[in-house]
């Protein structure tokens, strides 16, 4: 139970994130970002879906931590010379820690 509370604000949030095919709520650990989009089952049938960044838990209303998109880009550029981590060639140069939450946890972000 403590692990659940440490990682997510409430059990409803955890439940929604554990149901990725049915839930429109998505968590990206590598950039600490919560988004609402179409459920994964629908996204598989379409190429593009608009998503919205979530700043408050839709279940308990708590203020969620800010995403780290800009910080990730800045560190990759400054420390590794990677200017576009989504580019096919540069994506291969992104260190493994930046594909998970390891990089921001190590830096205390």
PDB file of N, CA and C in Angstrom:
ATOM      1  N   UNK A   1       0.817  -1.197   0.000  1.00  0.00           N
ATOM      2  CA  UNK A   1       0.000   0.000   0.000  1.00  0.00           C
ATOM      3  C   UNK A   1       0.858   1.257   0.000  1.00  0.00           C
ATOM      4  N   UNK A   2       1.954   1.281   0.804  1.00  0.00           N
ATOM      5  CA  UNK A   2       2.825   2.458   0.834  1.00  0.00           C
ATOM      6  C   UNK A   2       3.436   2.716  -0.530  1.00  0.00           C
ATOM      7  N   UNK A   3       3.813   1.657  -1.242  1.00  0.00           N
ATOM      8  CA  UNK A   3       4.395   1.824  -2.572  1.00  0.00           C
ATOM      9  C   UNK A   3       3.383   2.486  -3.506  1.00  0.00           C
ATOM     10  N   UNK A   4       2.146   2.081  -3.416  1.00  0.00           N
ATOM     11  CA  UNK A   4       1.101   2.662  -4.253  1.00  0.00           C
ATOM     12  C   UNK A   4       0.976   4.153  -3.975  1.00  0.00           C
ATOM     13  N   UNK A   5       0.901   4.513  -2.711  1.00  0.00           N
ATOM     14  CA  UNK A   5       0.735   5.910  -2.338  1.00  0.00           C
ATOM     15  C   UNK A   5       1.978   6.711  -2.718  1.00  0.00           C
ATOM     16  N   UNK A   6       3.163   6.140  -2.615  1.00  0.00           N
ATOM     17  CA  UNK A   6       4.395   6.847  -2.976  1.00  0.00           C
ATOM     18  C   UNK A   6       4.474   7.109  -4.470  1.00  0.00           C
ATOM     19  N   UNK A   7       3.953   6.229  -5.290  1.00  0.00           N
ATOM     20  CA  UNK A   7       4.054   6.376  -6.734  1.00  0.00           C
ATOM     21  C   UNK A   7       2.858   7.103  -7.354  1.00  0.00           C
ATOM     22  N   UNK A   8       1.703   6.968  -6.762  1.00  0.00           N
ATOM     23  CA  UNK A   8       0.494   7.578  -7.303  1.00  0.00           C
ATOM     24  C   UNK A   8      -0.318   8.161  -6.160  1.00  0.00           C
ATOM     25  N   UNK A   9      -1.128   9.143  -6.475  1.00  0.00           N
ATOM     26  CA  UNK A   9      -1.847   9.882  -5.441  1.00  0.00           C
ATOM     27  C   UNK A   9      -2.998   9.105  -4.808  1.00  0.00           C
ATOM     28  N   UNK A  10      -3.594   8.172  -5.564  1.00  0.00           N
ATOM     29  CA  UNK A  10      -4.740   7.444  -5.017  1.00  0.00           C
ATOM     30  C   UNK A  10      -4.893   6.092  -5.725  1.00  0.00           C
ATOM     31  N   UNK A  11      -5.659   5.220  -5.121  1.00  0.00           N
ATOM     32  CA  UNK A  11      -5.871   3.894  -5.695  1.00  0.00           C
ATOM     33  C   UNK A  11      -6.652   3.945  -7.002  1.00  0.00           C
ATOM     34  N   UNK A  12      -7.518   4.934  -7.161  1.00  0.00           N
ATOM     35  CA  UNK A  12      -8.265   5.073  -8.418  1.00  0.00           C
ATOM     36  C   UNK A  12      -7.322   5.390  -9.574  1.00  0.00           C
ATOM     37  N   UNK A  13      -6.327   6.236  -9.332  1.00  0.00           N
ATOM     38  CA  UNK A  13      -5.324   6.558 -10.354  1.00  0.00           C
ATOM     39  C   UNK A  13      -4.546   5.302 -10.719  1.00  0.00           C
ATOM     40  N   UNK A  14      -4.102   4.571  -9.710  1.00  0.00           N
ATOM     41  CA  UNK A  14      -3.366   3.327  -9.961  1.00  0.00           C
ATOM     42  C   UNK A  14      -4.214   2.355 -10.770  1.00  0.00           C
ATOM     43  N   UNK A  15      -5.471   2.197 -10.397  1.00  0.00           N
ATOM     44  CA  UNK A  15      -6.361   1.286 -11.101  1.00  0.00           C
ATOM     45  C   UNK A  15      -6.514   1.691 -12.568  1.00  0.00           C
ATOM     46  N   UNK A  16      -6.691   2.977 -12.820  1.00  0.00           N
ATOM     47  CA  UNK A  16      -6.839   3.460 -14.203  1.00  0.00           C
ATOM     48  C   UNK A  16      -5.570   3.202 -15.018  1.00  0.00           C
ATOM     49  N   UNK A  17      -4.407   3.395 -14.407  1.00  0.00           N
ATOM     50  CA  UNK A  17      -3.146   3.197 -15.124  1.00  0.00           C
ATOM     51  C   UNK A  17      -2.822   1.721 -15.346  1.00  0.00           C
ATOM     52  N   UNK A  18      -3.395   0.869 -14.523  1.00  0.00           N
ATOM     53  CA  UNK A  18      -3.183  -0.568 -14.687  1.00  0.00           C
ATOM     54  C   UNK A  18      -4.131  -1.168 -15.727  1.00  0.00           C
ATOM     55  N   UNK A  19      -5.043  -0.387 -16.264  1.00  0.00           N
ATOM     56  CA  UNK A  19      -5.999  -0.832 -17.276  1.00  0.00           C
ATOM     57  C   UNK A  19      -5.724  -0.086 -18.583  1.00  0.00           C
ATOM     58  N   UNK A  20      -4.539  -0.198 -19.159  1.00  0.00           N
ATOM     59  CA  UNK A  20      -4.167   0.659 -20.291  1.00  0.00           C
ATOM     60  C   UNK A  20      -5.057   0.537 -21.525  1.00  0.00           C
ATOM     61  N   UNK A  21      -5.659  -0.602 -21.761  1.00  0.00           N
ATOM     62  CA  UNK A  21      -6.511  -0.736 -22.950  1.00  0.00           C
ATOM     63  C   UNK A  21      -7.881  -0.092 -22.772  1.00  0.00           C
ATOM     64  N   UNK A  22      -8.304   0.067 -21.528  1.00  0.00           N
ATOM     65  CA  UNK A  22      -9.635   0.596 -21.258  1.00  0.00           C
ATOM     66  C   UNK A  22      -9.631   2.042 -20.763  1.00  0.00           C
ATOM     67  N   UNK A  23      -8.501   2.514 -20.294  1.00  0.00           N
ATOM     68  CA  UNK A  23      -8.447   3.835 -19.671  1.00  0.00           C
ATOM     69  C   UNK A  23      -7.857   4.883 -20.607  1.00  0.00           C
ATOM     70  N   UNK A  24      -8.423   6.074 -20.606  1.00  0.00           N
ATOM     71  CA  UNK A  24      -7.844   7.158 -21.397  1.00  0.00           C
ATOM     72  C   UNK A  24      -6.664   7.824 -20.686  1.00  0.00           C
ATOM     73  N   UNK A  25      -6.379   7.422 -19.445  1.00  0.00           N
ATOM     74  CA  UNK A  25      -5.288   8.006 -18.671  1.00  0.00           C
ATOM     75  C   UNK A  25      -3.993   7.258 -18.958  1.00  0.00           C
ATOM     76  N   UNK A  26      -2.942   8.019 -19.283  1.00  0.00           N
ATOM     77  CA  UNK A  26      -1.646   7.426 -19.618  1.00  0.00           C
ATOM     78  C   UNK A  26      -0.555   8.122 -18.807  1.00  0.00           C
ATOM     79  N   UNK A  27       0.367   7.327 -18.245  1.00  0.00           N
ATOM     80  CA  UNK A  27       1.506   7.881 -17.518  1.00  0.00           C
ATOM     81  C   UNK A  27       2.772   7.498 -18.264  1.00  0.00           C
ATOM     82  N   UNK A  28       3.604   8.502 -18.574  1.00  0.00           N
ATOM     83  CA  UNK A  28       4.899   8.271 -19.222  1.00  0.00           C
ATOM     84  C   UNK A  28       5.986   8.534 -18.191  1.00  0.00           C
ATOM     85  N   UNK A  29       6.562   7.467 -17.656  1.00  0.00           N
ATOM     86  CA  UNK A  29       7.545   7.589 -16.583  1.00  0.00           C
ATOM     87  C   UNK A  29       8.799   8.337 -17.020  1.00  0.00           C
ATOM     88  N   UNK A  30       9.197   8.186 -18.291  1.00  0.00           N
ATOM     89  CA  UNK A  30      10.439   8.823 -18.738  1.00  0.00           C
ATOM     90  C   UNK A  30      10.385  10.344 -18.692  1.00  0.00           C
ATOM     91  N   UNK A  31       9.189  10.924 -18.778  1.00  0.00           N
ATOM     92  CA  UNK A  31       9.048  12.377 -18.700  1.00  0.00           C
ATOM     93  C   UNK A  31       8.098  12.798 -17.576  1.00  0.00           C
ATOM     94  N   UNK A  32       7.744  11.860 -16.716  1.00  0.00           N
ATOM     95  CA  UNK A  32       6.832  12.091 -15.589  1.00  0.00           C
ATOM     96  C   UNK A  32       5.610  12.878 -16.039  1.00  0.00           C
ATOM     97  N   UNK A  33       4.917  12.333 -17.015  1.00  0.00           N
ATOM     98  CA  UNK A  33       3.801  13.041 -17.624  1.00  0.00           C
ATOM     99  C   UNK A  33       2.521  12.217 -17.564  1.00  0.00           C
ATOM    100  N   UNK A  34       1.459  12.868 -17.130  1.00  0.00           N
ATOM    101  CA  UNK A  34       0.133  12.266 -17.113  1.00  0.00           C
ATOM    102  C   UNK A  34      -0.665  12.887 -18.241  1.00  0.00           C
ATOM    103  N   UNK A  35      -1.311  12.072 -19.058  1.00  0.00           N
ATOM    104  CA  UNK A  35      -2.092  12.573 -20.184  1.00  0.00           C
ATOM    105  C   UNK A  35      -3.403  11.818 -20.297  1.00  0.00           C
ATOM    106  N   UNK A  36      -4.375  12.499 -20.878  1.00  0.00           N
ATOM    107  CA  UNK A  36      -5.640  11.866 -21.205  1.00  0.00           C
ATOM    108  C   UNK A  36      -5.753  11.865 -22.723  1.00  0.00           C
ATOM    109  N   UNK A  37      -6.049  10.716 -23.263  1.00  0.00           N
ATOM    110  CA  UNK A  37      -6.187  10.544 -24.701  1.00  0.00           C
ATOM    111  C   UNK A  37      -7.270   9.505 -24.928  1.00  0.00           C
ATOM    112  N   UNK A  38      -7.380   9.042 -26.140  1.00  0.00           N
ATOM    113  CA  UNK A  38      -8.301   7.945 -26.412  1.00  0.00           C
ATOM    114  C   UNK A  38      -7.739   6.669 -25.781  1.00  0.00           C
ATOM    115  N   UNK A  39      -8.595   5.754 -25.372  1.00  0.00           N
ATOM    116  CA  UNK A  39      -8.098   4.482 -24.836  1.00  0.00           C
ATOM    117  C   UNK A  39      -7.189   3.780 -25.844  1.00  0.00           C
ATOM    118  N   UNK A  40      -6.214   3.061 -25.341  1.00  0.00           N
ATOM    119  CA  UNK A  40      -5.220   2.389 -26.176  1.00  0.00           C
ATOM    120  C   UNK A  40      -5.858   1.506 -27.240  1.00  0.00           C
ATOM    121  N   UNK A  41      -6.936   0.831 -26.886  1.00  0.00           N
ATOM    122  CA  UNK A  41      -7.604  -0.053 -27.855  1.00  0.00           C
ATOM    123  C   UNK A  41      -8.033   0.726 -29.097  1.00  0.00           C
ATOM    124  N   UNK A  42      -8.499   1.966 -28.921  1.00  0.00           N
ATOM    125  CA  UNK A  42      -8.888   2.790 -30.067  1.00  0.00           C
ATOM    126  C   UNK A  42      -7.677   3.364 -30.784  1.00  0.00           C
ATOM    127  N   UNK A  43      -6.649   3.730 -30.024  1.00  0.00           N
ATOM    128  CA  UNK A  43      -5.455   4.334 -30.620  1.00  0.00           C
ATOM    129  C   UNK A  43      -4.748   3.361 -31.562  1.00  0.00           C
ATOM    130  N   UNK A  44      -4.847   2.076 -31.283  1.00  0.00           N
ATOM    131  CA  UNK A  44      -4.217   1.074 -32.141  1.00  0.00           C
ATOM    132  C   UNK A  44      -4.834   1.086 -33.543  1.00  0.00           C
ATOM    133  N   UNK A  45      -6.073   1.536 -33.652  1.00  0.00           N
ATOM    134  CA  UNK A  45      -6.767   1.546 -34.935  1.00  0.00           C
ATOM    135  C   UNK A  45      -6.543   2.833 -35.722  1.00  0.00           C
ATOM    136  N   UNK A  46      -6.005   3.854 -35.074  1.00  0.00           N
ATOM    137  CA  UNK A  46      -5.791   5.148 -35.718  1.00  0.00           C
ATOM    138  C   UNK A  46      -4.351   5.591 -35.534  1.00  0.00           C
ATOM    139  N   UNK A  47      -3.850   6.405 -36.432  1.00  0.00           N
ATOM    140  CA  UNK A  47      -2.468   6.843 -36.362  1.00  0.00           C
ATOM    141  C   UNK A  47      -2.250   7.972 -35.368  1.00  0.00           C
ATOM    142  N   UNK A  48      -3.172   8.914 -35.293  1.00  0.00           N
ATOM    143  CA  UNK A  48      -2.965  10.088 -34.456  1.00  0.00           C
ATOM    144  C   UNK A  48      -4.176  10.360 -33.574  1.00  0.00           C
ATOM    145  N   UNK A  49      -3.903  10.615 -32.303  1.00  0.00           N
ATOM    146  CA  UNK A  49      -4.945  11.037 -31.369  1.00  0.00           C
ATOM    147  C   UNK A  49      -4.404  12.211 -30.584  1.00  0.00           C
ATOM    148  N   UNK A  50      -5.210  13.211 -30.397  1.00  0.00           N
ATOM    149  CA  UNK A  50      -4.843  14.350 -29.595  1.00  0.00           C
ATOM    150  C   UNK A  50      -4.874  13.951 -28.130  1.00  0.00           C
ATOM    151  N   UNK A  51      -3.852  14.337 -27.388  1.00  0.00           N
ATOM    152  CA  UNK A  51      -3.810  14.052 -25.966  1.00  0.00           C
ATOM    153  C   UNK A  51      -3.708  15.346 -25.183  1.00  0.00           C
ATOM    154  N   UNK A  52      -4.133  15.321 -23.950  1.00  0.00           N
ATOM    155  CA  UNK A  52      -4.104  16.499 -23.093  1.00  0.00           C
ATOM    156  C   UNK A  52      -3.311  16.196 -21.834  1.00  0.00           C
ATOM    157  N   UNK A  53      -2.396  17.099 -21.505  1.00  0.00           N
ATOM    158  CA  UNK A  53      -1.623  16.962 -20.285  1.00  0.00           C
ATOM    159  C   UNK A  53      -2.543  17.169 -19.095  1.00  0.00           C
ATOM    160  N   UNK A  54      -2.399  16.323 -18.091  1.00  0.00           N
ATOM    161  CA  UNK A  54      -3.240  16.392 -16.902  1.00  0.00           C
ATOM    162  C   UNK A  54      -2.405  16.964 -15.760  1.00  0.00           C
ATOM    163  N   UNK A  55      -2.879  18.030 -15.150  1.00  0.00           N
ATOM    164  CA  UNK A  55      -2.152  18.657 -14.041  1.00  0.00           C
ATOM    165  C   UNK A  55      -2.743  18.316 -12.686  1.00  0.00           C
ATOM    166  N   UNK A  56      -3.980  17.791 -12.686  1.00  0.00           N
ATOM    167  CA  UNK A  56      -4.646  17.397 -11.452  1.00  0.00           C
ATOM    168  C   UNK A  56      -5.206  15.997 -11.632  1.00  0.00           C
ATOM    169  N   UNK A  57      -5.154  15.200 -10.583  1.00  0.00           N
ATOM    170  CA  UNK A  57      -5.708  13.851 -10.642  1.00  0.00           C
ATOM    171  C   UNK A  57      -7.205  13.949 -10.920  1.00  0.00           C
ATOM    172  N   UNK A  58      -7.685  13.227 -11.942  1.00  0.00           N
ATOM    173  CA  UNK A  58      -9.117  13.281 -12.244  1.00  0.00           C
ATOM    174  C   UNK A  58      -9.985  12.565 -11.197  1.00  0.00           C
ATOM    175  N   UNK A  59      -9.355  11.864 -10.274  1.00  0.00           N
ATOM    176  CA  UNK A  59     -10.099  11.102  -9.268  1.00  0.00           C
ATOM    177  C   UNK A  59     -10.130  11.789  -7.903  1.00  0.00           C
ATOM    178  N   UNK A  60      -8.962  12.239  -7.432  1.00  0.00           N
ATOM    179  CA  UNK A  60      -8.919  12.839  -6.090  1.00  0.00           C
ATOM    180  C   UNK A  60      -8.630  14.335  -6.120  1.00  0.00           C
ATOM    181  N   UNK A  61      -8.245  14.870  -7.279  1.00  0.00           N
ATOM    182  CA  UNK A  61      -8.046  16.310  -7.422  1.00  0.00           C
ATOM    183  C   UNK A  61      -6.690  16.845  -6.994  1.00  0.00           C
ATOM    184  N   UNK A  62      -5.801  15.972  -6.532  1.00  0.00           N
ATOM    185  CA  UNK A  62      -4.488  16.438  -6.079  1.00  0.00           C
ATOM    186  C   UNK A  62      -3.697  17.017  -7.250  1.00  0.00           C
ATOM    187  N   UNK A  63      -2.876  18.033  -6.974  1.00  0.00           N
ATOM    188  CA  UNK A  63      -2.010  18.639  -7.968  1.00  0.00           C
ATOM    189  C   UNK A  63      -0.884  17.653  -8.293  1.00  0.00           C
ATOM    190  N   UNK A  64      -0.779  17.244  -9.540  1.00  0.00           N
ATOM    191  CA  UNK A  64       0.254  16.286  -9.954  1.00  0.00           C
ATOM    192  C   UNK A  64       1.564  17.009 -10.215  1.00  0.00           C
ATOM    193  N   UNK A  65       2.694  16.310 -10.075  1.00  0.00           N
ATOM    194  CA  UNK A  65       3.981  16.960 -10.350  1.00  0.00           C
ATOM    195  C   UNK A  65       4.075  17.377 -11.815  1.00  0.00           C
ATOM    196  N   UNK A  66       4.815  18.444 -12.057  1.00  0.00           N
ATOM    197  CA  UNK A  66       5.000  18.941 -13.425  1.00  0.00           C
ATOM    198  C   UNK A  66       5.743  17.907 -14.258  1.00  0.00           C
ATOM    199  N   UNK A  67       5.429  17.864 -15.554  1.00  0.00           N
ATOM    200  CA  UNK A  67       6.154  16.940 -16.417  1.00  0.00           C
ATOM    201  C   UNK A  67       7.571  17.466 -16.639  1.00  0.00           C
ATOM    202  N   UNK A  68       8.438  16.596 -17.090  1.00  0.00           N
ATOM    203  CA  UNK A  68       9.856  16.928 -17.239  1.00  0.00           C
ATOM    204  C   UNK A  68      10.317  16.898 -18.693  1.00  0.00           C
ATOM    205  N   UNK A  69       9.419  17.213 -19.606  1.00  0.00           N
ATOM    206  CA  UNK A  69       9.744  17.201 -21.032  1.00  0.00           C
ATOM    207  C   UNK A  69      10.909  18.150 -21.333  1.00  0.00           C
ATOM    208  N   UNK A  70      10.775  19.400 -20.904  1.00  0.00           N
ATOM    209  CA  UNK A  70      11.808  20.394 -21.194  1.00  0.00           C
ATOM    210  C   UNK A  70      13.140  20.049 -20.544  1.00  0.00           C
ATOM    211  N   UNK A  71      13.096  19.578 -19.286  1.00  0.00           N
ATOM    212  CA  UNK A  71      14.320  19.213 -18.576  1.00  0.00           C
ATOM    213  C   UNK A  71      15.033  18.061 -19.275  1.00  0.00           C
ATOM    214  N   UNK A  72      14.270  17.071 -19.735  1.00  0.00           N
ATOM    215  CA  UNK A  72      14.857  15.927 -20.438  1.00  0.00           C
ATOM    216  C   UNK A  72      15.554  16.381 -21.714  1.00  0.00           C
ATOM    217  N   UNK A  73      14.882  17.219 -22.502  1.00  0.00           N
ATOM    218  CA  UNK A  73      15.488  17.737 -23.730  1.00  0.00           C
ATOM    219  C   UNK A  73      16.772  18.506 -23.419  1.00  0.00           C
ATOM    220  N   UNK A  74      16.723  19.363 -22.396  1.00  0.00           N
ATOM    221  CA  UNK A  74      17.871  20.194 -22.041  1.00  0.00           C
ATOM    222  C   UNK A  74      19.073  19.345 -21.625  1.00  0.00           C
ATOM    223  N   UNK A  75      18.850  18.350 -20.792  1.00  0.00           N
ATOM    224  CA  UNK A  75      19.938  17.483 -20.322  1.00  0.00           C
ATOM    225  C   UNK A  75      20.500  16.653 -21.471  1.00  0.00           C
ATOM    226  N   UNK A  76      19.624  16.095 -22.302  1.00  0.00           N
ATOM    227  CA  UNK A  76      20.107  15.307 -23.447  1.00  0.00           C
ATOM    228  C   UNK A  76      20.953  16.164 -24.388  1.00  0.00           C
ATOM    229  N   UNK A  77      20.547  17.391 -24.582  1.00  0.00           N
ATOM    230  CA  UNK A  77      21.292  18.298 -25.460  1.00  0.00           C
ATOM    231  C   UNK A  77      22.624  18.698 -24.829  1.00  0.00           C
ATOM    232  N   UNK A  78      22.585  19.118 -23.584  1.00  0.00           N
ATOM    233  CA  UNK A  78      23.774  19.617 -22.894  1.00  0.00           C
ATOM    234  C   UNK A  78      24.811  18.522 -22.617  1.00  0.00           C
ATOM    235  N   UNK A  79      24.352  17.385 -22.105  1.00  0.00           N
ATOM    236  CA  UNK A  79      25.278  16.334 -21.687  1.00  0.00           C
ATOM    237  C   UNK A  79      25.641  15.336 -22.783  1.00  0.00           C
ATOM    238  N   UNK A  80      24.762  15.178 -23.779  1.00  0.00           N
ATOM    239  CA  UNK A  80      24.987  14.140 -24.784  1.00  0.00           C
ATOM    240  C   UNK A  80      24.952  14.647 -26.221  1.00  0.00           C
ATOM    241  N   UNK A  81      24.676  15.924 -26.424  1.00  0.00           N
ATOM    242  CA  UNK A  81      24.630  16.493 -27.771  1.00  0.00           C
ATOM    243  C   UNK A  81      23.459  16.006 -28.608  1.00  0.00           C
ATOM    244  N   UNK A  82      22.426  15.486 -27.952  1.00  0.00           N
ATOM    245  CA  UNK A  82      21.248  14.982 -28.656  1.00  0.00           C
ATOM    246  C   UNK A  82      20.219  16.109 -28.740  1.00  0.00           C
ATOM    247  N   UNK A  83      19.932  16.567 -29.944  1.00  0.00           N
ATOM    248  CA  UNK A  83      19.006  17.689 -30.121  1.00  0.00           C
ATOM    249  C   UNK A  83      17.575  17.247 -30.421  1.00  0.00           C
ATOM    250  N   UNK A  84      17.408  16.013 -30.887  1.00  0.00           N
ATOM    251  CA  UNK A  84      16.066  15.486 -31.164  1.00  0.00           C
ATOM    252  C   UNK A  84      16.028  14.005 -30.802  1.00  0.00           C
ATOM    253  N   UNK A  85      15.664  13.700 -29.547  1.00  0.00           N
ATOM    254  CA  UNK A  85      15.659  12.301 -29.103  1.00  0.00           C
ATOM    255  C   UNK A  85      14.625  11.423 -29.792  1.00  0.00           C
ATOM    256  N   UNK A  86      13.756  12.010 -30.626  1.00  0.00           N
ATOM    257  CA  UNK A  86      12.754  11.231 -31.346  1.00  0.00           C
ATOM    258  C   UNK A  86      13.165  10.968 -32.796  1.00  0.00           C
ATOM    259  N   UNK A  87      14.251  11.590 -33.232  1.00  0.00           N
ATOM    260  CA  UNK A  87      14.808  11.343 -34.556  1.00  0.00           C
ATOM    261  C   UNK A  87      15.354   9.911 -34.592  1.00  0.00           C
ATOM    262  N   UNK A  88      15.148   9.195 -35.696  1.00  0.00           N
ATOM    263  CA  UNK A  88      15.556   7.781 -35.778  1.00  0.00           C
ATOM    264  C   UNK A  88      17.022   7.563 -35.424  1.00  0.00           C
ATOM    265  N   UNK A  89      17.904   8.379 -35.970  1.00  0.00           N
ATOM    266  CA  UNK A  89      19.338   8.212 -35.719  1.00  0.00           C
ATOM    267  C   UNK A  89      19.710   8.592 -34.291  1.00  0.00           C
ATOM    268  N   UNK A  90      19.187   9.738 -33.822  1.00  0.00           N
ATOM    269  CA  UNK A  90      19.542  10.207 -32.484  1.00  0.00           C
ATOM    270  C   UNK A  90      18.896   9.373 -31.381  1.00  0.00           C
ATOM    271  N   UNK A  91      17.760   8.788 -31.675  1.00  0.00           N
ATOM    272  CA  UNK A  91      17.059   7.959 -30.696  1.00  0.00           C
ATOM    273  C   UNK A  91      17.953   6.814 -30.207  1.00  0.00           C
ATOM    274  N   UNK A  92      18.780   6.305 -31.109  1.00  0.00           N
ATOM    275  CA  UNK A  92      19.700   5.221 -30.759  1.00  0.00           C
ATOM    276  C   UNK A  92      20.789   5.677 -29.793  1.00  0.00           C
ATOM    277  N   UNK A  93      21.050   6.992 -29.736  1.00  0.00           N
ATOM    278  CA  UNK A  93      22.094   7.544 -28.873  1.00  0.00           C
ATOM    279  C   UNK A  93      21.599   7.898 -27.472  1.00  0.00           C
ATOM    280  N   UNK A  94      20.288   7.879 -27.278  1.00  0.00           N
ATOM    281  CA  UNK A  94      19.717   8.226 -25.973  1.00  0.00           C
ATOM    282  C   UNK A  94      20.095   7.141 -24.959  1.00  0.00           C
ATOM    283  N   UNK A  95      20.766   7.538 -23.862  1.00  0.00           N
ATOM    284  CA  UNK A  95      21.136   6.557 -22.838  1.00  0.00           C
ATOM    285  C   UNK A  95      19.921   5.847 -22.258  1.00  0.00           C
ATOM    286  N   UNK A  96      20.130   4.600 -21.867  1.00  0.00           N
ATOM    287  CA  UNK A  96      19.055   3.744 -21.355  1.00  0.00           C
ATOM    288  C   UNK A  96      18.292   4.394 -20.196  1.00  0.00           C
ATOM    289  N   UNK A  97      18.994   5.093 -19.318  1.00  0.00           N
ATOM    290  CA  UNK A  97      18.339   5.699 -18.152  1.00  0.00           C
ATOM    291  C   UNK A  97      17.271   6.728 -18.547  1.00  0.00           C
ATOM    292  N   UNK A  98      17.388   7.331 -19.736  1.00  0.00           N
ATOM    293  CA  UNK A  98      16.433   8.341 -20.193  1.00  0.00           C
ATOM    294  C   UNK A  98      15.185   7.726 -20.823  1.00  0.00           C
ATOM    295  N   UNK A  99      15.130   6.421 -20.887  1.00  0.00           N
ATOM    296  CA  UNK A  99      13.952   5.739 -21.407  1.00  0.00           C
ATOM    297  C   UNK A  99      13.030   5.284 -20.276  1.00  0.00           C
ATOM    298  N   UNK A 100      13.443   5.575 -19.038  1.00  0.00           N
ATOM    299  CA  UNK A 100      12.666   5.258 -17.834  1.00  0.00           C
ATOM    300  C   UNK A 100      12.681   6.482 -16.918  1.00  0.00           C
ATOM    301  N   UNK A 101      12.217   6.297 -15.713  1.00  0.00           N
ATOM    302  CA  UNK A 101      12.239   7.385 -14.731  1.00  0.00           C
ATOM    303  C   UNK A 101      13.578   7.487 -13.998  1.00  0.00           C
ATOM    304  N   UNK A 102      14.523   6.637 -14.335  1.00  0.00           N
ATOM    305  CA  UNK A 102      15.817   6.608 -13.645  1.00  0.00           C
ATOM    306  C   UNK A 102      16.542   7.953 -13.696  1.00  0.00           C
ATOM    307  N   UNK A 103      16.554   8.597 -14.876  1.00  0.00           N
ATOM    308  CA  UNK A 103      17.333   9.835 -15.033  1.00  0.00           C
ATOM    309  C   UNK A 103      16.847  10.944 -14.120  1.00  0.00           C
ATOM    310  N   UNK A 104      15.540  11.128 -13.980  1.00  0.00           N
ATOM    311  CA  UNK A 104      15.057  12.235 -13.145  1.00  0.00           C
ATOM    312  C   UNK A 104      15.070  11.897 -11.671  1.00  0.00           C
ATOM    313  N   UNK A 105      14.954  10.626 -11.332  1.00  0.00           N
ATOM    314  CA  UNK A 105      15.045  10.230  -9.924  1.00  0.00           C
ATOM    315  C   UNK A 105      16.482  10.396  -9.423  1.00  0.00           C
ATOM    316  N   UNK A 106      17.462  10.031 -10.271  1.00  0.00           N
ATOM    317  CA  UNK A 106      18.877  10.192  -9.910  1.00  0.00           C
ATOM    318  C   UNK A 106      19.240  11.655  -9.698  1.00  0.00           C
ATOM    319  N   UNK A 107      18.582  12.549 -10.399  1.00  0.00           N
ATOM    320  CA  UNK A 107      18.864  13.980 -10.318  1.00  0.00           C
ATOM    321  C   UNK A 107      17.977  14.703  -9.299  1.00  0.00           C
ATOM    322  N   UNK A 108      17.137  13.956  -8.621  1.00  0.00           N
ATOM    323  CA  UNK A 108      16.275  14.535  -7.596  1.00  0.00           C
ATOM    324  C   UNK A 108      15.213  15.483  -8.129  1.00  0.00           C
ATOM    325  N   UNK A 109      14.767  15.243  -9.351  1.00  0.00           N
ATOM    326  CA  UNK A 109      13.742  16.090  -9.948  1.00  0.00           C
ATOM    327  C   UNK A 109      12.373  15.545  -9.596  1.00  0.00           C
TER     328      UNK A 109
END
